[in-house]
Amino acid sequence: MNLTDTAPGVRVRDIVLDADGIPLSGLIALPEAPPRATVVAVHGGGMRAGYFHGLSHCGQSLLNLAAGLGYAVLAVDRPGYGMSVPNFPKGATLSEQSHVLHAALGSYAREHDTGAGIFLMAHSYGGKLALHAAADPRGAAFLGLDISGISHRYAVDPARLDDFHGVKTWPLHWGRLGLYPPGTFSAAKPLVTPMPPREAQEAPRWAQAFPGLAARIRVPVRFTFAEHEGWWHHDEETIASMRAHLASPRVVFDRQPNAGHNISLGWAARTYHLRALAFAEECLLARELAPAGRPPARTTDPGGLPGAARIPSPR
């Protein structure tokens, strides 16, 4: 096991982004050459930015992989986590988080080369933030979104879960032990943090919020569900409902075999990250080939989910 596996020239370091005076901590990895684009990775509830920099198995880190493929990569601590906790001691709503994230990315873009633009990659609760940020008029500039671990229909009642990181929720977060490399759970301890109260209070309202957000998204989006996803419904009826609400020019649904909810910390991390970056490449190509001044035309994607439908879909 190589815990420092990186591509030549790639170094992951801490960074603090300025969001109109609010500090957002995180991690950054830069390629040796000017970046093709910038991947912004957004973690889920009760986690930190290091979720995307797992080192329990070589090739697990999104930051190492993406920077080695020519992308700049930012993994940010969402507002209410990391260095922004003093500004949001009880956490922040998704609308507030979206405003702060846009401010931070605007500040970063003024001082750094972002290449062809920003591609959001988000997990679980971070997927909610990514959809909020994309639904904002400023979100039309994003290259696309890649979201794992979320639909719009909970498979459990979040209002009845008293302890987000308790014994009852452990299987929802992780699934089977064998889905993760040895050392994963001890290495993840510093990443695990309580979900801020305001965030937890907003969680039960997600089903009502999704349709309005989905109708305002104008960039391509891909959703991935782990084979052993327990938090969310991802049956065919749920996916058809999500697709009907989304106004994105391209919508892709996929399932990741041999993975639990925390895909990016499991054995399947590299496979999932490569698929997500392949989607980023497709978004780049669509942007390059679109007529000047016009966004890509809306398409119905035939790939992804049907080919993976042999994996049982929990209800």
C-alpha atoms as a PDB file:
ATOM      1  CA  MET A   1       0.000   0.000   0.000  1.00  0.00           C
ATOM      2  CA  ASN A   2       1.454   3.358  -1.022  1.00  0.00           C
ATOM      3  CA  LEU A   3      -0.027   6.138   1.129  1.00  0.00           C
ATOM      4  CA  THR A   4       1.715   8.915  -0.791  1.00  0.00           C
ATOM      5  CA  ASP A   5       0.775   7.846  -4.280  1.00  0.00           C
ATOM      6  CA  THR A   6       0.715  10.945  -6.494  1.00  0.00           C
ATOM      7  CA  ALA A   7       1.304  11.750 -10.128  1.00  0.00           C
ATOM      8  CA  PRO A   8       4.682  13.341 -10.903  1.00  0.00           C
ATOM      9  CA  GLY A   9       4.634  17.034 -10.030  1.00  0.00           C
ATOM     10  CA  VAL A  10       1.366  16.870  -8.055  1.00  0.00           C
ATOM     11  CA  ARG A  11       1.335  18.266  -4.520  1.00  0.00           C
ATOM     12  CA  VAL A  12      -1.763  18.514  -2.361  1.00  0.00           C
ATOM     13  CA  ARG A  13      -1.708  21.425   0.065  1.00  0.00           C
ATOM     14  CA  ASP A  14      -4.023  23.418   2.292  1.00  0.00           C
ATOM     15  CA  ILE A  15      -5.708  26.548   0.958  1.00  0.00           C
ATOM     16  CA  VAL A  16      -7.983  29.236   2.379  1.00  0.00           C
ATOM     17  CA  LEU A  17     -10.428  30.919  -0.015  1.00  0.00           C
ATOM     18  CA  ASP A  18     -11.799  34.386   0.665  1.00  0.00           C
ATOM     19  CA  ALA A  19     -15.596  34.591   0.329  1.00  0.00           C
ATOM     20  CA  ASP A  20     -16.195  38.306   0.892  1.00  0.00           C
ATOM     21  CA  GLY A  21     -14.337  38.148   4.184  1.00  0.00           C
ATOM     22  CA  ILE A  22     -15.476  34.632   5.140  1.00  0.00           C
ATOM     23  CA  PRO A  23     -12.630  32.079   5.085  1.00  0.00           C
ATOM     24  CA  LEU A  24     -13.302  28.736   3.413  1.00  0.00           C
ATOM     25  CA  SER A  25     -10.625  26.166   4.183  1.00  0.00           C
ATOM     26  CA  GLY A  26      -9.836  23.320   1.870  1.00  0.00           C
ATOM     27  CA  LEU A  27      -7.279  21.413  -0.169  1.00  0.00           C
ATOM     28  CA  ILE A  28      -5.809  22.212  -3.566  1.00  0.00           C
ATOM     29  CA  ALA A  29      -3.800  20.270  -6.130  1.00  0.00           C
ATOM     30  CA  LEU A  30      -2.464  21.851  -9.325  1.00  0.00           C
ATOM     31  CA  PRO A  31      -1.124  20.253 -12.513  1.00  0.00           C
ATOM     32  CA  GLU A  32       2.344  21.079 -13.781  1.00  0.00           C
ATOM     33  CA  ALA A  33       0.949  22.786 -16.899  1.00  0.00           C
ATOM     34  CA  PRO A  34      -1.896  25.329 -17.077  1.00  0.00           C
ATOM     35  CA  PRO A  35      -5.111  23.513 -16.078  1.00  0.00           C
ATOM     36  CA  ARG A  36      -7.570  22.137 -18.598  1.00  0.00           C
ATOM     37  CA  ALA A  37     -10.321  23.197 -16.202  1.00  0.00           C
ATOM     38  CA  THR A  38     -10.904  23.426 -12.455  1.00  0.00           C
ATOM     39  CA  VAL A  39     -12.713  20.702 -10.509  1.00  0.00           C
ATOM     40  CA  VAL A  40     -14.360  21.966  -7.320  1.00  0.00           C
ATOM     41  CA  ALA A  41     -15.199  19.091  -4.965  1.00  0.00           C
ATOM     42  CA  VAL A  42     -17.906  19.586  -2.332  1.00  0.00           C
ATOM     43  CA  HIS A  43     -18.201  17.146   0.593  1.00  0.00           C
ATOM     44  CA  GLY A  44     -21.307  15.766   2.267  1.00  0.00           C
ATOM     45  CA  GLY A  45     -22.892  16.250   5.671  1.00  0.00           C
ATOM     46  CA  GLY A  46     -20.726  15.649   8.713  1.00  0.00           C
ATOM     47  CA  MET A  47     -17.532  15.347   6.635  1.00  0.00           C
ATOM     48  CA  ARG A  48     -14.651  17.610   5.563  1.00  0.00           C
ATOM     49  CA  ALA A  49     -12.813  18.390   2.328  1.00  0.00           C
ATOM     50  CA  GLY A  50     -10.391  15.517   2.957  1.00  0.00           C
ATOM     51  CA  TYR A  51     -13.168  13.136   1.914  1.00  0.00           C
ATOM     52  CA  PHE A  52     -11.835  13.597  -1.632  1.00  0.00           C
ATOM     53  CA  HIS A  53      -8.226  12.904  -0.638  1.00  0.00           C
ATOM     54  CA  GLY A  54      -8.395   9.374   0.715  1.00  0.00           C
ATOM     55  CA  LEU A  55      -4.997   7.707   1.040  1.00  0.00           C
ATOM     56  CA  SER A  56      -5.871   4.265   2.402  1.00  0.00           C
ATOM     57  CA  HIS A  57      -5.186   2.789  -1.015  1.00  0.00           C
ATOM     58  CA  CYS A  58      -3.134   4.083  -3.930  1.00  0.00           C
ATOM     59  CA  GLY A  59      -5.193   5.837  -6.578  1.00  0.00           C
ATOM     60  CA  GLN A  60      -8.017   6.633  -4.123  1.00  0.00           C
ATOM     61  CA  SER A  61      -7.492  10.416  -3.988  1.00  0.00           C
ATOM     62  CA  LEU A  62      -9.492  12.540  -6.427  1.00  0.00           C
ATOM     63  CA  LEU A  63      -7.013  15.398  -5.977  1.00  0.00           C
ATOM     64  CA  ASN A  64      -4.023  13.286  -6.986  1.00  0.00           C
ATOM     65  CA  LEU A  65      -5.833  11.686  -9.908  1.00  0.00           C
ATOM     66  CA  ALA A  66      -7.429  14.800 -11.386  1.00  0.00           C
ATOM     67  CA  ALA A  67      -4.335  16.974 -11.046  1.00  0.00           C
ATOM     68  CA  GLY A  68      -2.311  14.238 -12.737  1.00  0.00           C
ATOM     69  CA  LEU A  69      -4.779  14.405 -15.640  1.00  0.00           C
ATOM     70  CA  GLY A  70      -4.327  18.142 -16.056  1.00  0.00           C
ATOM     71  CA  TYR A  71      -7.053  19.630 -13.841  1.00  0.00           C
ATOM     72  CA  ALA A  72      -6.737  22.077 -11.015  1.00  0.00           C
ATOM     73  CA  VAL A  73      -8.660  20.592  -8.074  1.00  0.00           C
ATOM     74  CA  LEU A  74     -10.185  22.411  -5.116  1.00  0.00           C
ATOM     75  CA  ALA A  75     -11.836  20.428  -2.324  1.00  0.00           C
ATOM     76  CA  VAL A  76     -13.561  22.963  -0.077  1.00  0.00           C
ATOM     77  CA  ASP A  77     -14.940  22.782   3.448  1.00  0.00           C
ATOM     78  CA  ARG A  78     -18.551  23.852   3.032  1.00  0.00           C
ATOM     79  CA  PRO A  79     -19.755  26.914   5.009  1.00  0.00           C
ATOM     80  CA  GLY A  80     -20.292  25.787   8.592  1.00  0.00           C
ATOM     81  CA  TYR A  81     -17.277  23.449   8.458  1.00  0.00           C
ATOM     82  CA  GLY A  82     -13.555  24.027   8.902  1.00  0.00           C
ATOM     83  CA  MET A  83     -12.348  27.610   9.214  1.00  0.00           C
ATOM     84  CA  SER A  84     -15.784  29.110   8.543  1.00  0.00           C
ATOM     85  CA  VAL A  85     -17.313  27.680  11.748  1.00  0.00           C
ATOM     86  CA  PRO A  86     -16.852  30.987  13.694  1.00  0.00           C
ATOM     87  CA  ASN A  87     -18.858  32.729  10.950  1.00  0.00           C
ATOM     88  CA  PHE A  88     -21.546  30.027  11.014  1.00  0.00           C
ATOM     89  CA  PRO A  89     -21.480  28.530  14.536  1.00  0.00           C
ATOM     90  CA  LYS A  90     -24.825  26.787  13.954  1.00  0.00           C
ATOM     91  CA  GLY A  91     -24.214  26.104  10.281  1.00  0.00           C
ATOM     92  CA  ALA A  92     -25.753  27.704   7.202  1.00  0.00           C
ATOM     93  CA  THR A  93     -28.742  27.069   4.963  1.00  0.00           C
ATOM     94  CA  LEU A  94     -28.121  25.794   1.459  1.00  0.00           C
ATOM     95  CA  SER A  95     -29.048  29.194   0.033  1.00  0.00           C
ATOM     96  CA  GLU A  96     -26.472  30.850   2.292  1.00  0.00           C
ATOM     97  CA  GLN A  97     -23.883  28.216   1.435  1.00  0.00           C
ATOM     98  CA  SER A  98     -24.463  28.801  -2.274  1.00  0.00           C
ATOM     99  CA  HIS A  99     -23.898  32.537  -1.896  1.00  0.00           C
ATOM    100  CA  VAL A 100     -20.659  31.951   0.035  1.00  0.00           C
ATOM    101  CA  LEU A 101     -19.414  29.319  -2.418  1.00  0.00           C
ATOM    102  CA  HIS A 102     -19.980  31.606  -5.405  1.00  0.00           C
ATOM    103  CA  ALA A 103     -18.131  34.414  -3.625  1.00  0.00           C
ATOM    104  CA  ALA A 104     -15.198  32.102  -2.856  1.00  0.00           C
ATOM    105  CA  LEU A 105     -14.992  30.756  -6.412  1.00  0.00           C
ATOM    106  CA  GLY A 106     -15.195  34.270  -7.827  1.00  0.00           C
ATOM    107  CA  SER A 107     -12.305  35.330  -5.617  1.00  0.00           C
ATOM    108  CA  TYR A 108     -10.285  32.272  -6.635  1.00  0.00           C
ATOM    109  CA  ALA A 109     -10.947  32.839 -10.359  1.00  0.00           C
ATOM    110  CA  ARG A 110      -9.718  36.426 -10.151  1.00  0.00           C
ATOM    111  CA  GLU A 111      -6.339  35.249  -8.887  1.00  0.00           C
ATOM    112  CA  HIS A 112      -5.840  31.860 -10.535  1.00  0.00           C
ATOM    113  CA  ASP A 113      -6.060  30.249 -13.950  1.00  0.00           C
ATOM    114  CA  THR A 114      -9.206  28.103 -13.988  1.00  0.00           C
ATOM    115  CA  GLY A 115      -8.671  26.814 -17.520  1.00  0.00           C
ATOM    116  CA  ALA A 116     -11.890  26.274 -19.475  1.00  0.00           C
ATOM    117  CA  GLY A 117     -13.975  26.911 -16.352  1.00  0.00           C
ATOM    118  CA  ILE A 118     -15.310  25.279 -13.197  1.00  0.00           C
ATOM    119  CA  PHE A 119     -16.775  21.780 -12.955  1.00  0.00           C
ATOM    120  CA  LEU A 120     -18.559  20.948  -9.688  1.00  0.00           C
ATOM    121  CA  MET A 121     -18.176  17.474  -8.239  1.00  0.00           C
ATOM    122  CA  ALA A 122     -20.251  16.893  -5.120  1.00  0.00           C
ATOM    123  CA  HIS A 123     -21.236  14.166  -2.688  1.00  0.00           C
ATOM    124  CA  SER A 124     -24.439  13.667  -0.674  1.00  0.00           C
ATOM    125  CA  TYR A 125     -25.416  16.898   1.162  1.00  0.00           C
ATOM    126  CA  GLY A 126     -22.785  18.634  -0.960  1.00  0.00           C
ATOM    127  CA  GLY A 127     -24.867  17.585  -3.977  1.00  0.00           C
ATOM    128  CA  LYS A 128     -27.695  19.711  -2.614  1.00  0.00           C
ATOM    129  CA  LEU A 129     -25.304  22.667  -2.454  1.00  0.00           C
ATOM    130  CA  ALA A 130     -24.070  21.975  -6.004  1.00  0.00           C
ATOM    131  CA  LEU A 131     -27.652  22.034  -7.292  1.00  0.00           C
ATOM    132  CA  HIS A 132     -28.357  25.267  -5.394  1.00  0.00           C
ATOM    133  CA  ALA A 133     -25.192  26.843  -6.821  1.00  0.00           C
ATOM    134  CA  ALA A 134     -26.043  25.697 -10.359  1.00  0.00           C
ATOM    135  CA  ALA A 135     -29.613  27.004 -10.063  1.00  0.00           C
ATOM    136  CA  ASP A 136     -28.234  30.468  -9.241  1.00  0.00           C
ATOM    137  CA  PRO A 137     -27.925  32.602 -12.421  1.00  0.00           C
ATOM    138  CA  ARG A 138     -24.146  32.549 -11.912  1.00  0.00           C
ATOM    139  CA  GLY A 139     -24.272  28.755 -12.125  1.00  0.00           C
ATOM    140  CA  ALA A 140     -24.897  28.879 -15.871  1.00  0.00           C
ATOM    141  CA  ALA A 141     -21.152  29.443 -16.268  1.00  0.00           C
ATOM    142  CA  PHE A 142     -20.279  26.043 -14.754  1.00  0.00           C
ATOM    143  CA  LEU A 143     -19.067  23.410 -17.185  1.00  0.00           C
ATOM    144  CA  GLY A 144     -21.268  20.807 -15.523  1.00  0.00           C
ATOM    145  CA  LEU A 145     -22.061  18.907 -12.323  1.00  0.00           C
ATOM    146  CA  ASP A 146     -21.212  15.400 -11.177  1.00  0.00           C
ATOM    147  CA  ILE A 147     -23.149  14.389  -8.069  1.00  0.00           C
ATOM    148  CA  SER A 148     -23.008  11.157  -6.090  1.00  0.00           C
ATOM    149  CA  GLY A 149     -25.071   9.884  -3.192  1.00  0.00           C
ATOM    150  CA  ILE A 150     -28.299  11.850  -3.543  1.00  0.00           C
ATOM    151  CA  SER A 151     -31.732  11.752  -5.154  1.00  0.00           C
ATOM    152  CA  HIS A 152     -34.840  13.696  -4.138  1.00  0.00           C
ATOM    153  CA  ARG A 153     -36.486  10.898  -2.144  1.00  0.00           C
ATOM    154  CA  TYR A 154     -35.070   9.718   1.173  1.00  0.00           C
ATOM    155  CA  ALA A 155     -35.105   6.001   1.887  1.00  0.00           C
ATOM    156  CA  VAL A 156     -35.188   6.852   5.619  1.00  0.00           C
ATOM    157  CA  ASP A 157     -36.863   9.637   7.579  1.00  0.00           C
ATOM    158  CA  PRO A 158     -34.066  12.139   8.391  1.00  0.00           C
ATOM    159  CA  ALA A 159     -36.227  13.820  11.035  1.00  0.00           C
ATOM    160  CA  ARG A 160     -36.204  10.598  13.076  1.00  0.00           C
ATOM    161  CA  LEU A 161     -32.410  10.247  13.198  1.00  0.00           C
ATOM    162  CA  ASP A 162     -31.231  11.723  16.499  1.00  0.00           C
ATOM    163  CA  ASP A 163     -27.537  10.953  15.958  1.00  0.00           C
ATOM    164  CA  PHE A 164     -26.221  11.567  12.439  1.00  0.00           C
ATOM    165  CA  HIS A 165     -23.082   9.512  13.149  1.00  0.00           C
ATOM    166  CA  GLY A 166     -24.702   6.973  15.470  1.00  0.00           C
ATOM    167  CA  VAL A 167     -24.954   3.189  15.368  1.00  0.00           C
ATOM    168  CA  LYS A 168     -28.216   3.272  13.398  1.00  0.00           C
ATOM    169  CA  THR A 169     -26.819   5.490  10.646  1.00  0.00           C
ATOM    170  CA  TRP A 170     -23.424   3.776  10.276  1.00  0.00           C
ATOM    171  CA  PRO A 171     -24.688   1.278   7.652  1.00  0.00           C
ATOM    172  CA  LEU A 172     -26.300   4.148   5.712  1.00  0.00           C
ATOM    173  CA  HIS A 173     -23.002   6.024   5.488  1.00  0.00           C
ATOM    174  CA  TRP A 174     -20.757   3.078   4.750  1.00  0.00           C
ATOM    175  CA  GLY A 175     -22.532  -0.137   3.785  1.00  0.00           C
ATOM    176  CA  ARG A 176     -20.480  -3.343   4.038  1.00  0.00           C
ATOM    177  CA  LEU A 177     -17.023  -3.213   5.651  1.00  0.00           C
ATOM    178  CA  GLY A 178     -15.497  -5.045   2.701  1.00  0.00           C
ATOM    179  CA  LEU A 179     -16.255  -2.124   0.374  1.00  0.00           C
ATOM    180  CA  TYR A 180     -13.406  -0.109   1.954  1.00  0.00           C
ATOM    181  CA  PRO A 181      -9.632  -0.634   2.070  1.00  0.00           C
ATOM    182  CA  PRO A 182      -7.985  -1.520   5.402  1.00  0.00           C
ATOM    183  CA  GLY A 183      -7.301   1.584   7.477  1.00  0.00           C
ATOM    184  CA  THR A 184     -10.159   3.595   5.956  1.00  0.00           C
ATOM    185  CA  PHE A 185     -12.187   4.049   9.120  1.00  0.00           C
ATOM    186  CA  SER A 186      -9.281   5.110  11.336  1.00  0.00           C
ATOM    187  CA  ALA A 187      -8.055   7.483   8.617  1.00  0.00           C
ATOM    188  CA  ALA A 188     -11.567   8.951   8.268  1.00  0.00           C
ATOM    189  CA  LYS A 189     -11.915   9.868  11.958  1.00  0.00           C
ATOM    190  CA  PRO A 190     -10.414  13.375  11.516  1.00  0.00           C
ATOM    191  CA  LEU A 191     -12.830  13.997   8.620  1.00  0.00           C
ATOM    192  CA  VAL A 192     -15.976  13.167  10.576  1.00  0.00           C
ATOM    193  CA  THR A 193     -17.663  16.082  12.330  1.00  0.00           C
ATOM    194  CA  PRO A 194     -21.153  16.790  13.662  1.00  0.00           C
ATOM    195  CA  MET A 195     -23.654  18.069  11.122  1.00  0.00           C
ATOM    196  CA  PRO A 196     -24.420  21.718  11.961  1.00  0.00           C
ATOM    197  CA  PRO A 197     -27.920  22.186  13.474  1.00  0.00           C
ATOM    198  CA  ARG A 198     -29.268  24.522  10.776  1.00  0.00           C
ATOM    199  CA  GLU A 199     -28.167  22.057   8.106  1.00  0.00           C
ATOM    200  CA  ALA A 200     -29.835  19.152   9.886  1.00  0.00           C
ATOM    201  CA  GLN A 201     -33.048  21.164  10.322  1.00  0.00           C
ATOM    202  CA  GLU A 202     -33.200  21.888   6.593  1.00  0.00           C
ATOM    203  CA  ALA A 203     -32.617  18.279   5.518  1.00  0.00           C
ATOM    204  CA  PRO A 204     -36.255  17.062   5.744  1.00  0.00           C
ATOM    205  CA  ARG A 205     -37.380  19.761   3.282  1.00  0.00           C
ATOM    206  CA  TRP A 206     -35.219  18.532   0.405  1.00  0.00           C
ATOM    207  CA  ALA A 207     -38.002  16.735  -1.498  1.00  0.00           C
ATOM    208  CA  GLN A 208     -39.971  19.975  -1.671  1.00  0.00           C
ATOM    209  CA  ALA A 209     -36.942  22.072  -2.680  1.00  0.00           C
ATOM    210  CA  PHE A 210     -35.635  19.845  -5.481  1.00  0.00           C
ATOM    211  CA  PRO A 211     -38.217  20.511  -8.253  1.00  0.00           C
ATOM    212  CA  GLY A 212     -37.760  24.287  -8.165  1.00  0.00           C
ATOM    213  CA  LEU A 213     -33.983  24.010  -8.213  1.00  0.00           C
ATOM    214  CA  ALA A 214     -33.948  21.368 -10.960  1.00  0.00           C
ATOM    215  CA  ALA A 215     -36.069  23.576 -13.217  1.00  0.00           C
ATOM    216  CA  ARG A 216     -33.423  26.327 -13.091  1.00  0.00           C
ATOM    217  CA  ILE A 217     -30.323  24.277 -13.915  1.00  0.00           C
ATOM    218  CA  ARG A 218     -28.897  24.971 -17.355  1.00  0.00           C
ATOM    219  CA  VAL A 219     -25.718  22.867 -17.356  1.00  0.00           C
ATOM    220  CA  PRO A 220     -25.119  19.129 -17.869  1.00  0.00           C
ATOM    221  CA  VAL A 221     -25.486  16.981 -14.755  1.00  0.00           C
ATOM    222  CA  ARG A 222     -24.615  13.391 -13.912  1.00  0.00           C
ATOM    223  CA  PHE A 223     -25.918  11.486 -10.879  1.00  0.00           C
ATOM    224  CA  THR A 224     -24.232   8.361  -9.520  1.00  0.00           C
ATOM    225  CA  PHE A 225     -25.767   5.967  -6.987  1.00  0.00           C
ATOM    226  CA  ALA A 226     -23.654   3.423  -5.131  1.00  0.00           C
ATOM    227  CA  GLU A 227     -24.753  -0.188  -5.456  1.00  0.00           C
ATOM    228  CA  HIS A 228     -25.214  -0.275  -1.665  1.00  0.00           C
ATOM    229  CA  GLU A 229     -26.770   3.186  -1.271  1.00  0.00           C
ATOM    230  CA  GLY A 230     -29.000   3.291   1.802  1.00  0.00           C
ATOM    231  CA  TRP A 231     -29.878   6.934   2.347  1.00  0.00           C
ATOM    232  CA  TRP A 232     -31.780   7.475  -0.902  1.00  0.00           C
ATOM    233  CA  HIS A 233     -34.253   5.792  -3.198  1.00  0.00           C
ATOM    234  CA  HIS A 234     -32.779   5.304  -6.674  1.00  0.00           C
ATOM    235  CA  ASP A 235     -35.289   2.984  -8.302  1.00  0.00           C
ATOM    236  CA  GLU A 236     -36.465   3.577 -11.862  1.00  0.00           C
ATOM    237  CA  GLU A 237     -39.539   5.556 -10.778  1.00  0.00           C
ATOM    238  CA  THR A 238     -37.423   7.931  -8.669  1.00  0.00           C
ATOM    239  CA  ILE A 239     -34.953   8.448 -11.498  1.00  0.00           C
ATOM    240  CA  ALA A 240     -37.746   9.129 -14.000  1.00  0.00           C
ATOM    241  CA  SER A 241     -39.167  11.723 -11.623  1.00  0.00           C
ATOM    242  CA  MET A 242     -35.776  13.424 -11.236  1.00  0.00           C
ATOM    243  CA  ARG A 243     -35.259  13.482 -14.994  1.00  0.00           C
ATOM    244  CA  ALA A 244     -38.690  15.049 -15.521  1.00  0.00           C
ATOM    245  CA  HIS A 245     -37.868  17.936 -13.177  1.00  0.00           C
ATOM    246  CA  LEU A 246     -34.389  18.691 -14.541  1.00  0.00           C
ATOM    247  CA  ALA A 247     -34.044  21.372 -17.218  1.00  0.00           C
ATOM    248  CA  SER A 248     -30.365  20.550 -17.842  1.00  0.00           C
ATOM    249  CA  PRO A 249     -29.223  20.231 -21.471  1.00  0.00           C
ATOM    250  CA  ARG A 250     -27.917  16.747 -20.635  1.00  0.00           C
ATOM    251  CA  VAL A 251     -28.828  14.449 -17.747  1.00  0.00           C
ATOM    252  CA  VAL A 252     -27.014  11.173 -17.033  1.00  0.00           C
ATOM    253  CA  PHE A 253     -27.795   8.606 -14.331  1.00  0.00           C
ATOM    254  CA  ASP A 254     -25.373   5.851 -13.400  1.00  0.00           C
ATOM    255  CA  ARG A 255     -24.743   3.300 -10.683  1.00  0.00           C
ATOM    256  CA  GLN A 256     -21.381   2.399  -9.192  1.00  0.00           C
ATOM    257  CA  PRO A 257     -20.901  -1.322  -8.502  1.00  0.00           C
ATOM    258  CA  ASN A 258     -19.107  -2.490  -5.363  1.00  0.00           C
ATOM    259  CA  ALA A 259     -19.596   0.804  -3.523  1.00  0.00           C
ATOM    260  CA  GLY A 260     -21.314   2.151  -0.431  1.00  0.00           C
ATOM    261  CA  HIS A 261     -22.621   5.667   0.104  1.00  0.00           C
ATOM    262  CA  ASN A 262     -19.118   7.075   0.769  1.00  0.00           C
ATOM    263  CA  ILE A 263     -17.876   6.081  -2.685  1.00  0.00           C
ATOM    264  CA  SER A 264     -14.763   8.267  -2.681  1.00  0.00           C
ATOM    265  CA  LEU A 265     -13.327   6.483   0.369  1.00  0.00           C
ATOM    266  CA  GLY A 266     -13.961   2.964  -0.914  1.00  0.00           C
ATOM    267  CA  TRP A 267     -12.275   0.470  -3.212  1.00  0.00           C
ATOM    268  CA  ALA A 268     -14.403   1.879  -6.045  1.00  0.00           C
ATOM    269  CA  ALA A 269     -13.092   5.433  -5.572  1.00  0.00           C
ATOM    270  CA  ARG A 270     -10.703   5.429  -8.530  1.00  0.00           C
ATOM    271  CA  THR A 271     -13.307   3.911 -10.855  1.00  0.00           C
ATOM    272  CA  TYR A 272     -15.907   6.482  -9.816  1.00  0.00           C
ATOM    273  CA  HIS A 273     -13.479   9.412 -10.058  1.00  0.00           C
ATOM    274  CA  LEU A 274     -12.390   8.338 -13.549  1.00  0.00           C
ATOM    275  CA  ARG A 275     -16.037   8.155 -14.650  1.00  0.00           C
ATOM    276  CA  ALA A 276     -16.710  11.602 -13.180  1.00  0.00           C
ATOM    277  CA  LEU A 277     -13.675  13.080 -14.921  1.00  0.00           C
ATOM    278  CA  ALA A 278     -14.735  11.413 -18.185  1.00  0.00           C
ATOM    279  CA  PHE A 279     -18.042  13.265 -17.823  1.00  0.00           C
ATOM    280  CA  ALA A 280     -16.087  16.480 -17.232  1.00  0.00           C
ATOM    281  CA  GLU A 281     -14.241  15.813 -20.495  1.00  0.00           C
ATOM    282  CA  GLU A 282     -17.575  15.352 -22.281  1.00  0.00           C
ATOM    283  CA  CYS A 283     -18.797  18.663 -20.863  1.00  0.00           C
ATOM    284  CA  LEU A 284     -15.610  20.351 -22.068  1.00  0.00           C
ATOM    285  CA  LEU A 285     -16.068  18.910 -25.549  1.00  0.00           C
ATOM    286  CA  ALA A 286     -19.721  19.966 -25.708  1.00  0.00           C
ATOM    287  CA  ARG A 287     -18.756  23.507 -24.687  1.00  0.00           C
ATOM    288  CA  GLU A 288     -15.994  23.639 -27.305  1.00  0.00           C
ATOM    289  CA  LEU A 289     -18.246  22.371 -30.116  1.00  0.00           C
ATOM    290  CA  ALA A 290     -21.276  24.523 -29.268  1.00  0.00           C
ATOM    291  CA  PRO A 291     -21.928  27.397 -31.710  1.00  0.00           C
ATOM    292  CA  ALA A 292     -20.519  30.685 -30.474  1.00  0.00           C
ATOM    293  CA  GLY A 293     -22.779  32.323 -27.922  1.00  0.00           C
ATOM    294  CA  ARG A 294     -25.138  29.347 -27.687  1.00  0.00           C
ATOM    295  CA  PRO A 295     -25.234  26.648 -24.979  1.00  0.00           C
ATOM    296  CA  PRO A 296     -25.257  22.972 -26.011  1.00  0.00           C
ATOM    297  CA  ALA A 297     -28.665  21.689 -27.154  1.00  0.00           C
ATOM    298  CA  ARG A 298     -30.718  19.588 -24.757  1.00  0.00           C
ATOM    299  CA  THR A 299     -30.265  15.867 -25.318  1.00  0.00           C
ATOM    300  CA  THR A 300     -31.643  12.680 -23.827  1.00  0.00           C
ATOM    301  CA  ASP A 301     -28.745  10.483 -22.816  1.00  0.00           C
ATOM    302  CA  PRO A 302     -29.302   6.805 -23.623  1.00  0.00           C
ATOM    303  CA  GLY A 303     -26.229   5.623 -21.730  1.00  0.00           C
ATOM    304  CA  GLY A 304     -25.324   5.110 -18.117  1.00  0.00           C
ATOM    305  CA  LEU A 305     -28.243   3.793 -16.129  1.00  0.00           C
ATOM    306  CA  PRO A 306     -29.807   1.201 -18.491  1.00  0.00           C
ATOM    307  CA  GLY A 307     -26.493  -0.591 -18.816  1.00  0.00           C
ATOM    308  CA  ALA A 308     -26.121  -0.639 -15.044  1.00  0.00           C
ATOM    309  CA  ALA A 309     -29.715  -1.581 -14.318  1.00  0.00           C
ATOM    310  CA  ARG A 310     -28.714  -5.170 -13.574  1.00  0.00           C
ATOM    311  CA  ILE A 311     -27.627  -3.881 -10.158  1.00  0.00           C
ATOM    312  CA  PRO A 312     -30.621  -4.185  -7.818  1.00  0.00           C
ATOM    313  CA  SER A 313     -32.206  -0.837  -6.984  1.00  0.00           C
ATOM    314  CA  PRO A 314     -33.291  -0.592  -3.329  1.00  0.00           C
ATOM    315  CA  ARG A 315     -36.600   1.021  -2.524  1.00  0.00           C
END
